[in-house]
Protein backbone atom coordinates (compact mmCIF):
# COMPACT_ATOMS: atom_id res chain seq x y z
CA MET A 1 26.80 19.65 -10.69
CA ASN A 2 23.76 21.79 -11.38
CA VAL A 3 21.57 22.54 -8.10
CA THR A 4 18.21 20.70 -9.44
CA ARG A 5 19.83 17.96 -10.31
CA LEU A 6 21.85 17.94 -6.75
CA LYS A 7 18.41 17.80 -5.00
CA ALA A 8 16.43 15.58 -7.39
CA SER A 9 19.88 12.95 -6.52
CA PHE A 10 19.05 13.33 -2.99
CA GLU A 11 15.44 12.84 -2.48
CA LYS A 12 15.73 9.57 -4.36
CA ALA A 13 18.71 8.61 -2.29
CA ASN A 14 16.41 9.16 1.00
CA GLU A 15 13.64 8.18 -0.53
CA PRO A 16 12.01 5.34 2.06
CA THR A 17 11.78 1.82 0.64
CA TYR A 18 9.37 -0.15 1.74
CA LEU A 19 10.40 -4.00 3.44
CA PRO A 20 7.57 -6.36 4.27
CA THR A 21 8.07 -7.61 7.89
CA TYR A 22 6.94 -11.24 6.25
CA GLY A 23 8.89 -13.36 4.32
CA LEU A 24 10.10 -16.55 3.38
CA ALA A 25 13.41 -14.74 4.12
CA ARG A 26 12.43 -13.97 7.65
CA ILE A 27 12.16 -17.68 8.60
CA TYR A 28 13.17 -18.61 12.15
CA ALA A 29 11.85 -21.34 13.52
CA LYS A 30 13.93 -24.88 14.89
CA LEU A 31 11.39 -27.27 14.46
CA LYS A 32 10.03 -28.40 11.14
CA GLU A 33 6.29 -28.36 12.11
CA THR A 34 7.09 -24.80 13.63
CA SER A 35 8.56 -24.11 10.05
CA GLU A 36 5.78 -25.40 8.57
CA THR A 37 3.76 -23.32 10.04
CA SER A 38 5.26 -20.57 9.32
CA ILE A 39 5.42 -21.20 5.76
CA HIS A 40 1.68 -21.72 5.61
CA LEU A 41 0.54 -18.34 7.17
CA ILE A 42 3.43 -16.33 5.52
CA PHE A 43 1.19 -17.60 2.30
CA ILE A 44 -2.05 -16.66 3.83
CA VAL A 45 -1.01 -12.94 4.61
CA MET A 46 0.78 -12.95 0.89
CA ASN A 47 -2.57 -14.21 -0.68
CA LEU A 48 -5.31 -11.78 1.73
CA GLU A 49 -2.61 -8.57 1.23
CA LYS A 50 -2.98 -9.46 -3.34
CA ARG A 51 -6.69 -9.86 -2.88
CA LEU A 52 -7.00 -6.30 -0.92
CA ARG A 53 -5.08 -5.10 -3.01
CA VAL A 54 -6.63 -6.32 -6.06
CA PHE A 55 -10.35 -6.28 -5.35
CA ILE A 56 -11.04 -4.30 -1.87
CA LEU A 57 -8.85 -1.27 -2.90
CA PRO A 58 -10.50 -0.14 -6.53
CA ILE A 59 -13.50 -0.65 -4.65
CA LEU A 60 -12.21 1.56 -1.88
CA LYS A 61 -10.99 4.21 -4.81
CA THR A 62 -14.62 4.24 -6.61
CA TRP A 63 -15.84 5.56 -2.95
CA GLU A 64 -13.26 8.20 -2.67
CA ASN A 65 -14.72 9.76 -6.39
CA ILE A 66 -18.41 9.45 -5.36
CA ILE A 67 -18.36 11.55 -2.16
CA PHE A 68 -15.08 13.52 -4.18
CA MET A 69 -18.53 13.54 -6.80
CA PHE A 70 -20.77 15.01 -4.56
CA ARG A 71 -18.78 17.30 -2.52
CA ILE A 72 -18.45 19.46 -5.22
CA MET A 73 -22.08 18.88 -5.91
CA ILE A 74 -23.11 20.47 -2.70
CA LYS A 75 -20.47 23.57 -3.09
CA GLY A 76 -22.23 24.43 -6.79
CA ALA A 77 -25.58 24.00 -4.95
CA LEU A 78 -23.89 26.38 -2.30
CA ILE A 79 -22.47 28.90 -4.29
CA SER A 80 -24.96 29.28 -7.03
CA ALA A 81 -28.01 29.70 -4.30
């Protein structure tokens, strides 16, 4: 086995996996009402996470690009001055 292949397989095996700390498989409530409340809260959190990912992250990325371009403009002005 070649060294680069071995290194790639080692890195892939040691990659961290994303495991959410919430989910329907993690309901340990005993009472019916508590279980229902847990399920409702889990759905609220999952929906909020999706909205964050879909709506807010693109806005933040846009601001990041604007700031990056502003920094380039400042560096260009400093170099030419």
